[in-house]
Amino acid sequence: MNRSSVAPDRKSIRTSVMLPEGAHLQIQALADANQVSSAWIIRMAIHRFLDQHQGQLELPLMRSIGQGSNSND
């Protein structure tokens, strides 16, 4: 993986999220295997998601989990 492909082009804002333990372990394993940080993996995933759904106002995830169900945020 190339770190520069997701390099921020503007000021970065720090945020935090709660992840299920399994997701955290998978992210950490990917990061370790590719010699990058888990934060980098998460930034890349968000960047790709936003690129894929650019201009869409409806969340594609809501179609599969049922609208209004946000017990996992």
PDB file of N, CA and C in Angstrom:
ATOM      1  N   MET A   1       0.833  -1.186   0.000  1.00  0.00           N
ATOM      2  CA  MET A   1       0.000   0.000   0.000  1.00  0.00           C
ATOM      3  C   MET A   1       0.870   1.238   0.000  1.00  0.00           C
ATOM      4  N   ASN A   2       0.386   2.237  -0.650  1.00  0.00           N
ATOM      5  CA  ASN A   2       1.136   3.473  -0.777  1.00  0.00           C
ATOM      6  C   ASN A   2       0.493   4.546   0.082  1.00  0.00           C
ATOM      7  N   ARG A   3       1.182   4.994   1.101  1.00  0.00           N
ATOM      8  CA  ARG A   3       0.624   5.989   2.012  1.00  0.00           C
ATOM      9  C   ARG A   3       0.199   7.268   1.301  1.00  0.00           C
ATOM     10  N   SER A   4       0.907   7.670   0.261  1.00  0.00           N
ATOM     11  CA  SER A   4       0.603   8.942  -0.387  1.00  0.00           C
ATOM     12  C   SER A   4      -0.743   8.935  -1.100  1.00  0.00           C
ATOM     13  N   SER A   5      -1.309   7.759  -1.414  1.00  0.00           N
ATOM     14  CA  SER A   5      -2.573   7.711  -2.125  1.00  0.00           C
ATOM     15  C   SER A   5      -3.745   8.205  -1.279  1.00  0.00           C
ATOM     16  N   VAL A   6      -3.560   8.300   0.034  1.00  0.00           N
ATOM     17  CA  VAL A   6      -4.628   8.773   0.899  1.00  0.00           C
ATOM     18  C   VAL A   6      -4.153   9.960   1.734  1.00  0.00           C
ATOM     19  N   ALA A   7      -3.063  10.556   1.332  1.00  0.00           N
ATOM     20  CA  ALA A   7      -2.517  11.684   2.093  1.00  0.00           C
ATOM     21  C   ALA A   7      -3.523  12.830   2.116  1.00  0.00           C
ATOM     22  N   PRO A   8      -3.711  13.423   3.278  1.00  0.00           N
ATOM     23  CA  PRO A   8      -4.681  14.519   3.361  1.00  0.00           C
ATOM     24  C   PRO A   8      -4.218  15.721   2.537  1.00  0.00           C
ATOM     25  N   ASP A   9      -5.154  16.325   1.813  1.00  0.00           N
ATOM     26  CA  ASP A   9      -4.826  17.502   1.024  1.00  0.00           C
ATOM     27  C   ASP A   9      -5.244  18.777   1.740  1.00  0.00           C
ATOM     28  N   ARG A  10      -5.853  18.643   2.907  1.00  0.00           N
ATOM     29  CA  ARG A  10      -6.293  19.778   3.713  1.00  0.00           C
ATOM     30  C   ARG A  10      -6.011  19.476   5.173  1.00  0.00           C
ATOM     31  N   LYS A  11      -6.381  20.418   6.011  1.00  0.00           N
ATOM     32  CA  LYS A  11      -6.223  20.246   7.447  1.00  0.00           C
ATOM     33  C   LYS A  11      -6.939  18.975   7.910  1.00  0.00           C
ATOM     34  N   SER A  12      -6.302  18.205   8.749  1.00  0.00           N
ATOM     35  CA  SER A  12      -6.903  16.995   9.293  1.00  0.00           C
ATOM     36  C   SER A  12      -7.582  17.303  10.618  1.00  0.00           C
ATOM     37  N   ILE A  13      -8.696  16.654  10.856  1.00  0.00           N
ATOM     38  CA  ILE A  13      -9.455  16.801  12.086  1.00  0.00           C
ATOM     39  C   ILE A  13      -9.439  15.463  12.816  1.00  0.00           C
ATOM     40  N   ARG A  14      -9.091  15.489  14.086  1.00  0.00           N
ATOM     41  CA  ARG A  14      -9.056  14.258  14.871  1.00  0.00           C
ATOM     42  C   ARG A  14     -10.471  13.884  15.292  1.00  0.00           C
ATOM     43  N   THR A  15     -10.799  12.611  15.185  1.00  0.00           N
ATOM     44  CA  THR A  15     -12.086  12.091  15.640  1.00  0.00           C
ATOM     45  C   THR A  15     -11.859  10.696  16.206  1.00  0.00           C
ATOM     46  N   SER A  16     -12.838  10.167  16.866  1.00  0.00           N
ATOM     47  CA  SER A  16     -12.701   8.806  17.395  1.00  0.00           C
ATOM     48  C   SER A  16     -13.978   8.038  17.130  1.00  0.00           C
ATOM     49  N   VAL A  17     -13.843   6.738  17.033  1.00  0.00           N
ATOM     50  CA  VAL A  17     -14.979   5.847  16.822  1.00  0.00           C
ATOM     51  C   VAL A  17     -14.820   4.630  17.718  1.00  0.00           C
ATOM     52  N   MET A  18     -15.932   4.038  18.059  1.00  0.00           N
ATOM     53  CA  MET A  18     -15.929   2.777  18.795  1.00  0.00           C
ATOM     54  C   MET A  18     -16.121   1.665  17.767  1.00  0.00           C
ATOM     55  N   LEU A  19     -15.260   0.646  17.803  1.00  0.00           N
ATOM     56  CA  LEU A  19     -15.341  -0.476  16.878  1.00  0.00           C
ATOM     57  C   LEU A  19     -15.597  -1.764  17.641  1.00  0.00           C
ATOM     58  N   PRO A  20     -16.334  -2.684  17.029  1.00  0.00           N
ATOM     59  CA  PRO A  20     -16.429  -4.010  17.635  1.00  0.00           C
ATOM     60  C   PRO A  20     -15.031  -4.629  17.690  1.00  0.00           C
ATOM     61  N   GLU A  21     -14.787  -5.458  18.680  1.00  0.00           N
ATOM     62  CA  GLU A  21     -13.454  -6.032  18.856  1.00  0.00           C
ATOM     63  C   GLU A  21     -12.968  -6.770  17.610  1.00  0.00           C
ATOM     64  N   GLY A  22     -13.851  -7.508  16.958  1.00  0.00           N
ATOM     65  CA  GLY A  22     -13.463  -8.246  15.759  1.00  0.00           C
ATOM     66  C   GLY A  22     -12.988  -7.342  14.631  1.00  0.00           C
ATOM     67  N   ALA A  23     -13.691  -6.232  14.437  1.00  0.00           N
ATOM     68  CA  ALA A  23     -13.293  -5.283  13.398  1.00  0.00           C
ATOM     69  C   ALA A  23     -11.940  -4.674  13.733  1.00  0.00           C
ATOM     70  N   HIS A  24     -11.758  -4.330  14.993  1.00  0.00           N
ATOM     71  CA  HIS A  24     -10.475  -3.759  15.431  1.00  0.00           C
ATOM     72  C   HIS A  24      -9.332  -4.746  15.180  1.00  0.00           C
ATOM     73  N   LEU A  25      -9.552  -5.996  15.510  1.00  0.00           N
ATOM     74  CA  LEU A  25      -8.504  -7.013  15.309  1.00  0.00           C
ATOM     75  C   LEU A  25      -8.182  -7.190  13.831  1.00  0.00           C
ATOM     76  N   GLN A  26      -9.204  -7.168  12.980  1.00  0.00           N
ATOM     77  CA  GLN A  26      -8.974  -7.303  11.537  1.00  0.00           C
ATOM     78  C   GLN A  26      -8.208  -6.105  10.992  1.00  0.00           C
ATOM     79  N   ILE A  27      -8.585  -4.924  11.427  1.00  0.00           N
ATOM     80  CA  ILE A  27      -7.887  -3.711  10.988  1.00  0.00           C
ATOM     81  C   ILE A  27      -6.437  -3.749  11.437  1.00  0.00           C
ATOM     82  N   GLN A  28      -6.191  -4.135  12.674  1.00  0.00           N
ATOM     83  CA  GLN A  28      -4.828  -4.187  13.186  1.00  0.00           C
ATOM     84  C   GLN A  28      -3.997  -5.225  12.434  1.00  0.00           C
ATOM     85  N   ALA A  29      -4.613  -6.369  12.102  1.00  0.00           N
ATOM     86  CA  ALA A  29      -3.897  -7.402  11.338  1.00  0.00           C
ATOM     87  C   ALA A  29      -3.517  -6.884   9.951  1.00  0.00           C
ATOM     88  N   LEU A  30      -4.445  -6.184   9.280  1.00  0.00           N
ATOM     89  CA  LEU A  30      -4.137  -5.591   7.971  1.00  0.00           C
ATOM     90  C   LEU A  30      -3.012  -4.572   8.085  1.00  0.00           C
ATOM     91  N   ALA A  31      -3.097  -3.740   9.105  1.00  0.00           N
ATOM     92  CA  ALA A  31      -2.078  -2.707   9.305  1.00  0.00           C
ATOM     93  C   ALA A  31      -0.710  -3.340   9.540  1.00  0.00           C
ATOM     94  N   ASP A  32      -0.665  -4.324  10.410  1.00  0.00           N
ATOM     95  CA  ASP A  32       0.606  -4.991  10.714  1.00  0.00           C
ATOM     96  C   ASP A  32       1.194  -5.669   9.474  1.00  0.00           C
ATOM     97  N   ALA A  33       0.338  -6.351   8.713  1.00  0.00           N
ATOM     98  CA  ALA A  33       0.805  -7.079   7.524  1.00  0.00           C
ATOM     99  C   ALA A  33       1.334  -6.140   6.449  1.00  0.00           C
ATOM    100  N   ASN A  34       0.832  -4.900   6.438  1.00  0.00           N
ATOM    101  CA  ASN A  34       1.232  -3.938   5.404  1.00  0.00           C
ATOM    102  C   ASN A  34       2.119  -2.820   5.925  1.00  0.00           C
ATOM    103  N   GLN A  35       2.541  -2.948   7.156  1.00  0.00           N
ATOM    104  CA  GLN A  35       3.450  -1.985   7.791  1.00  0.00           C
ATOM    105  C   GLN A  35       2.919  -0.545   7.713  1.00  0.00           C
ATOM    106  N   VAL A  36       1.629  -0.397   8.036  1.00  0.00           N
ATOM    107  CA  VAL A  36       0.997   0.909   8.136  1.00  0.00           C
ATOM    108  C   VAL A  36       0.250   0.959   9.461  1.00  0.00           C
ATOM    109  N   SER A  37      -0.233   2.117   9.835  1.00  0.00           N
ATOM    110  CA  SER A  37      -0.983   2.232  11.086  1.00  0.00           C
ATOM    111  C   SER A  37      -2.443   1.832  10.874  1.00  0.00           C
ATOM    112  N   SER A  38      -3.102   1.467  11.967  1.00  0.00           N
ATOM    113  CA  SER A  38      -4.529   1.170  11.879  1.00  0.00           C
ATOM    114  C   SER A  38      -5.295   2.435  11.486  1.00  0.00           C
ATOM    115  N   ALA A  39      -4.832   3.601  11.926  1.00  0.00           N
ATOM    116  CA  ALA A  39      -5.472   4.860  11.529  1.00  0.00           C
ATOM    117  C   ALA A  39      -5.409   5.042  10.018  1.00  0.00           C
ATOM    118  N   TRP A  40      -4.299   4.656   9.405  1.00  0.00           N
ATOM    119  CA  TRP A  40      -4.164   4.776   7.949  1.00  0.00           C
ATOM    120  C   TRP A  40      -5.166   3.872   7.235  1.00  0.00           C
ATOM    121  N   ILE A  41      -5.335   2.639   7.740  1.00  0.00           N
ATOM    122  CA  ILE A  41      -6.305   1.709   7.156  1.00  0.00           C
ATOM    123  C   ILE A  41      -7.707   2.315   7.225  1.00  0.00           C
ATOM    124  N   ILE A  42      -8.060   2.880   8.372  1.00  0.00           N
ATOM    125  CA  ILE A  42      -9.385   3.473   8.560  1.00  0.00           C
ATOM    126  C   ILE A  42      -9.563   4.685   7.649  1.00  0.00           C
ATOM    127  N   ARG A  43      -8.543   5.549   7.551  1.00  0.00           N
ATOM    128  CA  ARG A  43      -8.637   6.705   6.647  1.00  0.00           C
ATOM    129  C   ARG A  43      -8.833   6.255   5.204  1.00  0.00           C
ATOM    130  N   MET A  44      -8.112   5.219   4.775  1.00  0.00           N
ATOM    131  CA  MET A  44      -8.252   4.721   3.408  1.00  0.00           C
ATOM    132  C   MET A  44      -9.662   4.187   3.172  1.00  0.00           C
ATOM    133  N   ALA A  45     -10.191   3.451   4.125  1.00  0.00           N
ATOM    134  CA  ALA A  45     -11.542   2.901   3.980  1.00  0.00           C
ATOM    135  C   ALA A  45     -12.573   4.023   3.856  1.00  0.00           C
ATOM    136  N   ILE A  46     -12.444   5.042   4.674  1.00  0.00           N
ATOM    137  CA  ILE A  46     -13.371   6.177   4.617  1.00  0.00           C
ATOM    138  C   ILE A  46     -13.225   6.911   3.286  1.00  0.00           C
ATOM    139  N   HIS A  47     -11.990   7.143   2.868  1.00  0.00           N
ATOM    140  CA  HIS A  47     -11.727   7.831   1.598  1.00  0.00           C
ATOM    141  C   HIS A  47     -12.378   7.066   0.437  1.00  0.00           C
ATOM    142  N   ARG A  48     -12.195   5.761   0.392  1.00  0.00           N
ATOM    143  CA  ARG A  48     -12.770   4.951  -0.692  1.00  0.00           C
ATOM    144  C   ARG A  48     -14.290   4.950  -0.639  1.00  0.00           C
ATOM    145  N   PHE A  49     -14.858   4.848   0.556  1.00  0.00           N
ATOM    146  CA  PHE A  49     -16.310   4.875   0.712  1.00  0.00           C
ATOM    147  C   PHE A  49     -16.878   6.196   0.199  1.00  0.00           C
ATOM    148  N   LEU A  50     -16.275   7.297   0.596  1.00  0.00           N
ATOM    149  CA  LEU A  50     -16.756   8.611   0.169  1.00  0.00           C
ATOM    150  C   LEU A  50     -16.607   8.793  -1.339  1.00  0.00           C
ATOM    151  N   ASP A  51     -15.501   8.336  -1.915  1.00  0.00           N
ATOM    152  CA  ASP A  51     -15.319   8.414  -3.371  1.00  0.00           C
ATOM    153  C   ASP A  51     -16.389   7.604  -4.096  1.00  0.00           C
ATOM    154  N   GLN A  52     -16.666   6.409  -3.594  1.00  0.00           N
ATOM    155  CA  GLN A  52     -17.631   5.520  -4.239  1.00  0.00           C
ATOM    156  C   GLN A  52     -19.048   6.090  -4.181  1.00  0.00           C
ATOM    157  N   HIS A  53     -19.371   6.825  -3.139  1.00  0.00           N
ATOM    158  CA  HIS A  53     -20.733   7.318  -2.942  1.00  0.00           C
ATOM    159  C   HIS A  53     -20.826   8.837  -3.057  1.00  0.00           C
ATOM    160  N   GLN A  54     -19.881   9.426  -3.762  1.00  0.00           N
ATOM    161  CA  GLN A  54     -19.853  10.878  -3.927  1.00  0.00           C
ATOM    162  C   GLN A  54     -21.137  11.377  -4.571  1.00  0.00           C
ATOM    163  N   GLY A  55     -21.713  12.409  -3.986  1.00  0.00           N
ATOM    164  CA  GLY A  55     -22.921  13.008  -4.521  1.00  0.00           C
ATOM    165  C   GLY A  55     -24.207  12.331  -4.096  1.00  0.00           C
ATOM    166  N   GLN A  56     -24.113  11.211  -3.410  1.00  0.00           N
ATOM    167  CA  GLN A  56     -25.301  10.508  -2.936  1.00  0.00           C
ATOM    168  C   GLN A  56     -25.659  11.008  -1.544  1.00  0.00           C
ATOM    169  N   LEU A  57     -26.923  11.269  -1.331  1.00  0.00           N
ATOM    170  CA  LEU A  57     -27.363  11.720  -0.019  1.00  0.00           C
ATOM    171  C   LEU A  57     -27.913  10.570   0.828  1.00  0.00           C
ATOM    172  N   GLU A  58     -28.389   9.509   0.187  1.00  0.00           N
ATOM    173  CA  GLU A  58     -28.905   8.367   0.916  1.00  0.00           C
ATOM    174  C   GLU A  58     -27.762   7.406   1.225  1.00  0.00           C
ATOM    175  N   LEU A  59     -27.679   6.972   2.448  1.00  0.00           N
ATOM    176  CA  LEU A  59     -26.644   6.019   2.822  1.00  0.00           C
ATOM    177  C   LEU A  59     -26.956   4.648   2.239  1.00  0.00           C
ATOM    178  N   PRO A  60     -26.049   4.066   1.469  1.00  0.00           N
ATOM    179  CA  PRO A  60     -26.296   2.746   0.881  1.00  0.00           C
ATOM    180  C   PRO A  60     -26.411   1.669   1.951  1.00  0.00           C
ATOM    181  N   LEU A  61     -25.782   1.872   3.095  1.00  0.00           N
ATOM    182  CA  LEU A  61     -25.825   0.882   4.165  1.00  0.00           C
ATOM    183  C   LEU A  61     -27.225   0.741   4.753  1.00  0.00           C
ATOM    184  N   MET A  62     -28.003   1.810   4.724  1.00  0.00           N
ATOM    185  CA  MET A  62     -29.329   1.788   5.319  1.00  0.00           C
ATOM    186  C   MET A  62     -30.255   0.819   4.592  1.00  0.00           C
ATOM    187  N   ARG A  63     -30.032   0.588   3.322  1.00  0.00           N
ATOM    188  CA  ARG A  63     -30.870  -0.342   2.552  1.00  0.00           C
ATOM    189  C   ARG A  63     -30.736  -1.761   3.079  1.00  0.00           C
ATOM    190  N   SER A  64     -29.539  -2.128   3.535  1.00  0.00           N
ATOM    191  CA  SER A  64     -29.318  -3.513   3.951  1.00  0.00           C
ATOM    192  C   SER A  64     -29.612  -3.763   5.424  1.00  0.00           C
ATOM    193  N   ILE A  65     -29.569  -2.735   6.258  1.00  0.00           N
ATOM    194  CA  ILE A  65     -29.788  -2.965   7.689  1.00  0.00           C
ATOM    195  C   ILE A  65     -31.137  -2.474   8.177  1.00  0.00           C
ATOM    196  N   GLY A  66     -31.898  -1.841   7.322  1.00  0.00           N
ATOM    197  CA  GLY A  66     -33.199  -1.321   7.733  1.00  0.00           C
ATOM    198  C   GLY A  66     -33.069   0.098   8.237  1.00  0.00           C
ATOM    199  N   GLN A  67     -33.762   1.008   7.646  1.00  0.00           N
ATOM    200  CA  GLN A  67     -33.635   2.426   7.975  1.00  0.00           C
ATOM    201  C   GLN A  67     -33.975   2.678   9.434  1.00  0.00           C
ATOM    202  N   GLY A  68     -33.216   3.559  10.024  1.00  0.00           N
ATOM    203  CA  GLY A  68     -33.462   3.961  11.401  1.00  0.00           C
ATOM    204  C   GLY A  68     -32.784   3.089  12.434  1.00  0.00           C
ATOM    205  N   SER A  69     -32.188   2.020  12.036  1.00  0.00           N
ATOM    206  CA  SER A  69     -31.511   1.133  12.984  1.00  0.00           C
ATOM    207  C   SER A  69     -30.079   1.612  13.174  1.00  0.00           C
ATOM    208  N   ASN A  70     -29.823   2.305  14.260  1.00  0.00           N
ATOM    209  CA  ASN A  70     -28.468   2.825  14.496  1.00  0.00           C
ATOM    210  C   ASN A  70     -27.975   2.412  15.864  1.00  0.00           C
ATOM    211  N   SER A  71     -28.239   1.158  16.229  1.00  0.00           N
ATOM    212  CA  SER A  71     -27.807   0.672  17.527  1.00  0.00           C
ATOM    213  C   SER A  71     -26.312   0.407  17.600  1.00  0.00           C
ATOM    214  N   ASN A  72     -25.635   0.411  16.438  1.00  0.00           N
ATOM    215  CA  ASN A  72     -24.206   0.115  16.420  1.00  0.00           C
ATOM    216  C   ASN A  72     -23.342   1.330  16.145  1.00  0.00           C
ATOM    217  N   ASP A  73     -23.869   2.572  16.303  1.00  0.00           N
ATOM    218  CA  ASP A  73     -22.979   3.689  16.038  1.00  0.00           C
ATOM    219  C   ASP A  73     -22.173   4.121  17.184  1.00  0.00           C
TER     220      ASP A  73
END
